[in-house]
Amino acid sequence: MAKVDIDLVKMVLQRRELDGRQVASIVNELEEELRILKEEEERPPSVPKQFVILVSDPEGVIEFSGKDLTGWVLQIPEEDSPYVVTERLNRAAYDFNVTPKGRRYPVKTHAECCEVVSAKFHKEHNLWVKTKEPVLVVTTDNVVPMAQEGVE
C-alpha cells in the first residue's frame, strides 16, 4: 500500500476545484484513518519468555520403573518462577469452565486444559502452551561421555 502525504492529497483535491468543505471533510477522514492505523501498529513490546520441561536427573531421583512420563511444553515470562505454571493452568481452566462451552464440556485435568482450552484463556494469565498433545519426558544425567568404545 502506497503511503501518500496528507498535504499532497489536499493539494490535489483543491486543484480539482472541489468545495472547501468537501476537501476539509475528506482530509479529516484521512487523518482519522491514519490515527487508527497508528494505534493498531503500536503494540506492546514482546515479553521475553522461558520454556519449561527437560528433566535433569543426575542423582536418579526420578524412578521410571518402566513407566513413560509425559508432559507439555509451556512458556512463561522469563522473570516468573516455573512453579506458577500449575496455578496459571488452573486459573485458565476456571475461566474456560465459566463460559457457555466450558459449562457444557468442563475441563477437569491439566491435560484437558492444555488440549482443549484456547490460547486466549492462557494468554490472559501469561502462559503459552506450545504442545497441545503430551510429549514424552526424557531424563538425563546431564553428562556427555568424552569417548565411546570402538570410536576413534
Foldseek 3Di string as FASTA:
>chain_A
DDDDDLVVVLVVVVVVVDDPVVSVVVSVVVVVVVVVVVVVPDDPDDAAKDKDAAAEDLPCPDDCVPPWDWDFIKIAGPVDDPVCVVVLLVQLQVVQCVDPVNVVPRDDDSLCSLQPRDQVSSVVSRMGTPDNHIDTHDYHSPDDDPDDPPDD
